[in-house]
Amino acid sequence: LKPFPFEYTIVVAIIDWIFILDCVIRFYIPYLSKSGYYVHSSAKIRKHYLRTWFAIDAISSIPWDFIVLCLQ
């Protein structure tokens, strides 16, 4: 396998950190309930995020390029 260029590795690492930061921030951002009101309760926000988008966000935040780089 041909190694990734250094610039590519840096850009991908920055993007990976942005996705990870997004996952963390989403635990604190209020969401719009089905009744049309914003939910501000920390416990409800965490529970809602874990039941909805967390799995997708977590999987997409895995730094696959870094893992491949380490395995070479």
PDB file of N, CA and C in Angstrom:
ATOM      1  N   LEU A   1       0.824  -1.197   0.000  1.00  0.00           N
ATOM      2  CA  LEU A   1       0.000   0.000   0.000  1.00  0.00           C
ATOM      3  C   LEU A   1       0.861   1.251   0.000  1.00  0.00           C
ATOM      4  N   LYS A   2       0.431   2.218  -0.750  1.00  0.00           N
ATOM      5  CA  LYS A   2       1.141   3.489  -0.814  1.00  0.00           C
ATOM      6  C   LYS A   2       0.704   4.356   0.372  1.00  0.00           C
ATOM      7  N   PRO A   3       1.648   4.961   1.094  1.00  0.00           N
ATOM      8  CA  PRO A   3       1.268   5.794   2.251  1.00  0.00           C
ATOM      9  C   PRO A   3       0.530   7.063   1.812  1.00  0.00           C
ATOM     10  N   PHE A   4      -0.320   7.551   2.707  1.00  0.00           N
ATOM     11  CA  PHE A   4      -1.048   8.787   2.438  1.00  0.00           C
ATOM     12  C   PHE A   4      -0.101   9.972   2.493  1.00  0.00           C
ATOM     13  N   PRO A   5      -0.316  10.997   1.666  1.00  0.00           N
ATOM     14  CA  PRO A   5       0.474  12.218   1.791  1.00  0.00           C
ATOM     15  C   PRO A   5       0.218  12.866   3.154  1.00  0.00           C
ATOM     16  N   PHE A   6       1.226  13.527   3.703  1.00  0.00           N
ATOM     17  CA  PHE A   6       1.126  14.133   5.032  1.00  0.00           C
ATOM     18  C   PHE A   6      -0.013  15.135   5.100  1.00  0.00           C
ATOM     19  N   GLU A   7      -0.192  15.949   4.069  1.00  0.00           N
ATOM     20  CA  GLU A   7      -1.255  16.960   4.065  1.00  0.00           C
ATOM     21  C   GLU A   7      -2.634  16.304   4.160  1.00  0.00           C
ATOM     22  N   TYR A   8      -2.819  15.225   3.457  1.00  0.00           N
ATOM     23  CA  TYR A   8      -4.077  14.491   3.495  1.00  0.00           C
ATOM     24  C   TYR A   8      -4.341  13.977   4.902  1.00  0.00           C
ATOM     25  N   THR A   9      -3.320  13.438   5.528  1.00  0.00           N
ATOM     26  CA  THR A   9      -3.447  12.910   6.879  1.00  0.00           C
ATOM     27  C   THR A   9      -3.861  13.998   7.859  1.00  0.00           C
ATOM     28  N   ILE A  10      -3.285  15.179   7.736  1.00  0.00           N
ATOM     29  CA  ILE A  10      -3.617  16.301   8.623  1.00  0.00           C
ATOM     30  C   ILE A  10      -5.070  16.731   8.408  1.00  0.00           C
ATOM     31  N   VAL A  11      -5.486  16.881   7.168  1.00  0.00           N
ATOM     32  CA  VAL A  11      -6.864  17.306   6.870  1.00  0.00           C
ATOM     33  C   VAL A  11      -7.862  16.281   7.396  1.00  0.00           C
ATOM     34  N   VAL A  12      -7.596  15.018   7.185  1.00  0.00           N
ATOM     35  CA  VAL A  12      -8.500  13.965   7.659  1.00  0.00           C
ATOM     36  C   VAL A  12      -8.551  13.957   9.184  1.00  0.00           C
ATOM     37  N   ALA A  13      -7.421  14.171   9.844  1.00  0.00           N
ATOM     38  CA  ALA A  13      -7.397  14.211  11.309  1.00  0.00           C
ATOM     39  C   ALA A  13      -8.235  15.377  11.832  1.00  0.00           C
ATOM     40  N   ILE A  14      -8.149  16.520  11.192  1.00  0.00           N
ATOM     41  CA  ILE A  14      -8.950  17.683  11.592  1.00  0.00           C
ATOM     42  C   ILE A  14     -10.439  17.389  11.424  1.00  0.00           C
ATOM     43  N   ILE A  15     -10.794  16.787  10.311  1.00  0.00           N
ATOM     44  CA  ILE A  15     -12.199  16.440  10.062  1.00  0.00           C
ATOM     45  C   ILE A  15     -12.689  15.424  11.096  1.00  0.00           C
ATOM     46  N   ASP A  16     -11.873  14.440  11.409  1.00  0.00           N
ATOM     47  CA  ASP A  16     -12.249  13.450  12.431  1.00  0.00           C
ATOM     48  C   ASP A  16     -12.495  14.124  13.777  1.00  0.00           C
ATOM     49  N   TRP A  17     -11.639  15.059  14.170  1.00  0.00           N
ATOM     50  CA  TRP A  17     -11.818  15.768  15.446  1.00  0.00           C
ATOM     51  C   TRP A  17     -13.062  16.637  15.438  1.00  0.00           C
ATOM     52  N   ILE A  18     -13.393  17.206  14.301  1.00  0.00           N
ATOM     53  CA  ILE A  18     -14.626  18.007  14.204  1.00  0.00           C
ATOM     54  C   ILE A  18     -15.839  17.108  14.423  1.00  0.00           C
ATOM     55  N   PHE A  19     -15.839  15.915  13.826  1.00  0.00           N
ATOM     56  CA  PHE A  19     -16.947  14.982  14.021  1.00  0.00           C
ATOM     57  C   PHE A  19     -17.050  14.544  15.480  1.00  0.00           C
ATOM     58  N   ILE A  20     -15.918  14.266  16.113  1.00  0.00           N
ATOM     59  CA  ILE A  20     -15.927  13.868  17.523  1.00  0.00           C
ATOM     60  C   ILE A  20     -16.446  15.001  18.391  1.00  0.00           C
ATOM     61  N   LEU A  21     -15.999  16.226  18.118  1.00  0.00           N
ATOM     62  CA  LEU A  21     -16.482  17.386  18.862  1.00  0.00           C
ATOM     63  C   LEU A  21     -17.983  17.567  18.665  1.00  0.00           C
ATOM     64  N   ASP A  22     -18.466  17.334  17.456  1.00  0.00           N
ATOM     65  CA  ASP A  22     -19.897  17.417  17.175  1.00  0.00           C
ATOM     66  C   ASP A  22     -20.678  16.414  18.024  1.00  0.00           C
ATOM     67  N   CYS A  23     -20.155  15.197  18.165  1.00  0.00           N
ATOM     68  CA  CYS A  23     -20.826  14.194  19.003  1.00  0.00           C
ATOM     69  C   CYS A  23     -20.918  14.669  20.443  1.00  0.00           C
ATOM     70  N   VAL A  24     -19.862  15.268  20.953  1.00  0.00           N
ATOM     71  CA  VAL A  24     -19.864  15.755  22.333  1.00  0.00           C
ATOM     72  C   VAL A  24     -20.848  16.911  22.497  1.00  0.00           C
ATOM     73  N   ILE A  25     -20.835  17.841  21.570  1.00  0.00           N
ATOM     74  CA  ILE A  25     -21.703  19.017  21.657  1.00  0.00           C
ATOM     75  C   ILE A  25     -23.175  18.618  21.591  1.00  0.00           C
ATOM     76  N   ARG A  26     -23.495  17.607  20.816  1.00  0.00           N
ATOM     77  CA  ARG A  26     -24.895  17.189  20.660  1.00  0.00           C
ATOM     78  C   ARG A  26     -25.531  16.708  21.960  1.00  0.00           C
ATOM     79  N   PHE A  27     -24.705  16.352  22.953  1.00  0.00           N
ATOM     80  CA  PHE A  27     -25.242  15.953  24.254  1.00  0.00           C
ATOM     81  C   PHE A  27     -25.778  17.151  25.045  1.00  0.00           C
ATOM     82  N   TYR A  28     -25.517  18.362  24.573  1.00  0.00           N
ATOM     83  CA  TYR A  28     -25.912  19.571  25.301  1.00  0.00           C
ATOM     84  C   TYR A  28     -26.863  20.487  24.532  1.00  0.00           C
ATOM     85  N   ILE A  29     -27.132  20.197  23.269  1.00  0.00           N
ATOM     86  CA  ILE A  29     -27.980  21.054  22.451  1.00  0.00           C
ATOM     87  C   ILE A  29     -29.440  20.638  22.602  1.00  0.00           C
ATOM     88  N   PRO A  30     -30.309  21.568  22.996  1.00  0.00           N
ATOM     89  CA  PRO A  30     -31.734  21.234  23.108  1.00  0.00           C
ATOM     90  C   PRO A  30     -32.296  20.754  21.765  1.00  0.00           C
ATOM     91  N   TYR A  31     -33.329  19.932  21.846  1.00  0.00           N
ATOM     92  CA  TYR A  31     -33.962  19.428  20.626  1.00  0.00           C
ATOM     93  C   TYR A  31     -35.439  19.791  20.642  1.00  0.00           C
ATOM     94  N   LEU A  32     -36.030  19.761  19.480  1.00  0.00           N
ATOM     95  CA  LEU A  32     -37.439  20.087  19.315  1.00  0.00           C
ATOM     96  C   LEU A  32     -38.270  18.816  19.504  1.00  0.00           C
ATOM     97  N   SER A  33     -39.154  18.833  20.494  1.00  0.00           N
ATOM     98  CA  SER A  33     -39.981  17.652  20.770  1.00  0.00           C
ATOM     99  C   SER A  33     -41.112  17.551  19.742  1.00  0.00           C
ATOM    100  N   LYS A  34     -41.815  16.436  19.767  1.00  0.00           N
ATOM    101  CA  LYS A  34     -42.934  16.233  18.845  1.00  0.00           C
ATOM    102  C   LYS A  34     -44.061  17.231  19.092  1.00  0.00           C
ATOM    103  N   SER A  35     -44.154  17.737  20.329  1.00  0.00           N
ATOM    104  CA  SER A  35     -45.205  18.702  20.651  1.00  0.00           C
ATOM    105  C   SER A  35     -44.839  20.121  20.235  1.00  0.00           C
ATOM    106  N   GLY A  36     -43.637  20.315  19.708  1.00  0.00           N
ATOM    107  CA  GLY A  36     -43.234  21.626  19.198  1.00  0.00           C
ATOM    108  C   GLY A  36     -42.480  22.493  20.187  1.00  0.00           C
ATOM    109  N   TYR A  37     -42.089  21.942  21.330  1.00  0.00           N
ATOM    110  CA  TYR A  37     -41.340  22.694  22.333  1.00  0.00           C
ATOM    111  C   TYR A  37     -39.904  22.202  22.396  1.00  0.00           C
ATOM    112  N   TYR A  38     -38.991  23.110  22.726  1.00  0.00           N
ATOM    113  CA  TYR A  38     -37.600  22.721  22.892  1.00  0.00           C
ATOM    114  C   TYR A  38     -37.398  22.076  24.253  1.00  0.00           C
ATOM    115  N   VAL A  39     -36.694  20.971  24.268  1.00  0.00           N
ATOM    116  CA  VAL A  39     -36.403  20.258  25.504  1.00  0.00           C
ATOM    117  C   VAL A  39     -35.023  20.700  25.973  1.00  0.00           C
ATOM    118  N   HIS A  40     -34.936  21.218  27.210  1.00  0.00           N
ATOM    119  CA  HIS A  40     -33.677  21.741  27.755  1.00  0.00           C
ATOM    120  C   HIS A  40     -33.109  20.858  28.864  1.00  0.00           C
ATOM    121  N   SER A  41     -33.826  19.836  29.261  1.00  0.00           N
ATOM    122  CA  SER A  41     -33.367  18.948  30.325  1.00  0.00           C
ATOM    123  C   SER A  41     -32.157  18.138  29.851  1.00  0.00           C
ATOM    124  N   SER A  42     -31.068  18.226  30.581  1.00  0.00           N
ATOM    125  CA  SER A  42     -29.844  17.518  30.187  1.00  0.00           C
ATOM    126  C   SER A  42     -30.066  16.016  30.071  1.00  0.00           C
ATOM    127  N   ALA A  43     -30.776  15.460  31.027  1.00  0.00           N
ATOM    128  CA  ALA A  43     -31.014  14.013  30.997  1.00  0.00           C
ATOM    129  C   ALA A  43     -31.843  13.609  29.778  1.00  0.00           C
ATOM    130  N   LYS A  44     -32.860  14.400  29.454  1.00  0.00           N
ATOM    131  CA  LYS A  44     -33.701  14.086  28.296  1.00  0.00           C
ATOM    132  C   LYS A  44     -32.940  14.277  26.986  1.00  0.00           C
ATOM    133  N   ILE A  45     -32.080  15.300  26.942  1.00  0.00           N
ATOM    134  CA  ILE A  45     -31.278  15.528  25.732  1.00  0.00           C
ATOM    135  C   ILE A  45     -30.351  14.341  25.500  1.00  0.00           C
ATOM    136  N   ARG A  46     -29.642  13.917  26.534  1.00  0.00           N
ATOM    137  CA  ARG A  46     -28.734  12.766  26.405  1.00  0.00           C
ATOM    138  C   ARG A  46     -29.489  11.519  25.969  1.00  0.00           C
ATOM    139  N   LYS A  47     -30.618  11.252  26.615  1.00  0.00           N
ATOM    140  CA  LYS A  47     -31.404  10.062  26.296  1.00  0.00           C
ATOM    141  C   LYS A  47     -31.906  10.100  24.845  1.00  0.00           C
ATOM    142  N   HIS A  48     -32.389  11.261  24.416  1.00  0.00           N
ATOM    143  CA  HIS A  48     -32.892  11.417  23.052  1.00  0.00           C
ATOM    144  C   HIS A  48     -31.772  11.216  22.030  1.00  0.00           C
ATOM    145  N   TYR A  49     -30.621  11.814  22.288  1.00  0.00           N
ATOM    146  CA  TYR A  49     -29.496  11.693  21.341  1.00  0.00           C
ATOM    147  C   TYR A  49     -29.010  10.247  21.280  1.00  0.00           C
ATOM    148  N   LEU A  50     -28.906   9.587  22.405  1.00  0.00           N
ATOM    149  CA  LEU A  50     -28.457   8.197  22.407  1.00  0.00           C
ATOM    150  C   LEU A  50     -29.433   7.281  21.672  1.00  0.00           C
ATOM    151  N   ARG A  51     -30.733   7.601  21.714  1.00  0.00           N
ATOM    152  CA  ARG A  51     -31.736   6.780  21.026  1.00  0.00           C
ATOM    153  C   ARG A  51     -31.838   7.098  19.544  1.00  0.00           C
ATOM    154  N   THR A  52     -31.382   8.271  19.113  1.00  0.00           N
ATOM    155  CA  THR A  52     -31.580   8.655  17.713  1.00  0.00           C
ATOM    156  C   THR A  52     -30.284   8.613  16.906  1.00  0.00           C
ATOM    157  N   TRP A  53     -29.499   9.656  16.928  1.00  0.00           N
ATOM    158  CA  TRP A  53     -28.377   9.806  16.022  1.00  0.00           C
ATOM    159  C   TRP A  53     -27.023   9.370  16.550  1.00  0.00           C
ATOM    160  N   PHE A  54     -26.929   9.027  17.833  1.00  0.00           N
ATOM    161  CA  PHE A  54     -25.608   8.760  18.412  1.00  0.00           C
ATOM    162  C   PHE A  54     -24.872   7.631  17.702  1.00  0.00           C
ATOM    163  N   ALA A  55     -25.518   6.518  17.442  1.00  0.00           N
ATOM    164  CA  ALA A  55     -24.845   5.375  16.812  1.00  0.00           C
ATOM    165  C   ALA A  55     -24.277   5.757  15.442  1.00  0.00           C
ATOM    166  N   ILE A  56     -25.059   6.456  14.660  1.00  0.00           N
ATOM    167  CA  ILE A  56     -24.610   6.877  13.330  1.00  0.00           C
ATOM    168  C   ILE A  56     -23.440   7.859  13.454  1.00  0.00           C
ATOM    169  N   ASP A  57     -23.569   8.831  14.357  1.00  0.00           N
ATOM    170  CA  ASP A  57     -22.493   9.809  14.552  1.00  0.00           C
ATOM    171  C   ASP A  57     -21.224   9.150  15.081  1.00  0.00           C
ATOM    172  N   ALA A  58     -21.367   8.220  16.000  1.00  0.00           N
ATOM    173  CA  ALA A  58     -20.199   7.550  16.575  1.00  0.00           C
ATOM    174  C   ALA A  58     -19.460   6.728  15.521  1.00  0.00           C
ATOM    175  N   ILE A  59     -20.200   5.994  14.721  1.00  0.00           N
ATOM    176  CA  ILE A  59     -19.575   5.184  13.669  1.00  0.00           C
ATOM    177  C   ILE A  59     -18.883   6.069  12.638  1.00  0.00           C
ATOM    178  N   SER A  60     -19.526   7.181  12.288  1.00  0.00           N
ATOM    179  CA  SER A  60     -18.922   8.067  11.292  1.00  0.00           C
ATOM    180  C   SER A  60     -17.733   8.844  11.849  1.00  0.00           C
ATOM    181  N   SER A  61     -17.577   8.868  13.171  1.00  0.00           N
ATOM    182  CA  SER A  61     -16.469   9.590  13.794  1.00  0.00           C
ATOM    183  C   SER A  61     -15.232   8.726  13.989  1.00  0.00           C
ATOM    184  N   ILE A  62     -15.323   7.452  13.700  1.00  0.00           N
ATOM    185  CA  ILE A  62     -14.160   6.572  13.864  1.00  0.00           C
ATOM    186  C   ILE A  62     -13.095   6.996  12.864  1.00  0.00           C
ATOM    187  N   PRO A  63     -11.884   7.257  13.340  1.00  0.00           N
ATOM    188  CA  PRO A  63     -10.815   7.717  12.433  1.00  0.00           C
ATOM    189  C   PRO A  63     -10.193   6.555  11.648  1.00  0.00           C
ATOM    190  N   TRP A  64     -10.914   6.090  10.652  1.00  0.00           N
ATOM    191  CA  TRP A  64     -10.470   4.916   9.894  1.00  0.00           C
ATOM    192  C   TRP A  64      -9.102   5.112   9.260  1.00  0.00           C
ATOM    193  N   ASP A  65      -8.844   6.295   8.709  1.00  0.00           N
ATOM    194  CA  ASP A  65      -7.549   6.535   8.064  1.00  0.00           C
ATOM    195  C   ASP A  65      -6.410   6.447   9.069  1.00  0.00           C
ATOM    196  N   PHE A  66      -6.629   6.942  10.272  1.00  0.00           N
ATOM    197  CA  PHE A  66      -5.605   6.860  11.319  1.00  0.00           C
ATOM    198  C   PHE A  66      -5.378   5.419  11.739  1.00  0.00           C
ATOM    199  N   ILE A  67      -6.439   4.652  11.837  1.00  0.00           N
ATOM    200  CA  ILE A  67      -6.313   3.243  12.201  1.00  0.00           C
ATOM    201  C   ILE A  67      -5.527   2.496  11.126  1.00  0.00           C
ATOM    202  N   VAL A  68      -5.845   2.759   9.861  1.00  0.00           N
ATOM    203  CA  VAL A  68      -5.119   2.110   8.757  1.00  0.00           C
ATOM    204  C   VAL A  68      -3.654   2.526   8.781  1.00  0.00           C
ATOM    205  N   LEU A  69      -3.391   3.796   9.055  1.00  0.00           N
ATOM    206  CA  LEU A  69      -2.018   4.290   9.114  1.00  0.00           C
ATOM    207  C   LEU A  69      -1.239   3.586  10.226  1.00  0.00           C
ATOM    208  N   CYS A  70      -1.869   3.384  11.364  1.00  0.00           N
ATOM    209  CA  CYS A  70      -1.209   2.717  12.487  1.00  0.00           C
ATOM    210  C   CYS A  70      -0.954   1.234  12.218  1.00  0.00           C
ATOM    211  N   LEU A  71      -1.812   0.621  11.432  1.00  0.00           N
ATOM    212  CA  LEU A  71      -1.683  -0.796  11.154  1.00  0.00           C
ATOM    213  C   LEU A  71      -0.635  -1.113  10.085  1.00  0.00           C
ATOM    214  N   GLN A  72      -0.163  -0.107   9.398  1.00  0.00           N
ATOM    215  CA  GLN A  72       0.820  -0.342   8.332  1.00  0.00           C
ATOM    216  C   GLN A  72       2.199  -0.521   8.906  1.00  0.00           C
TER     217      GLN A  72
END
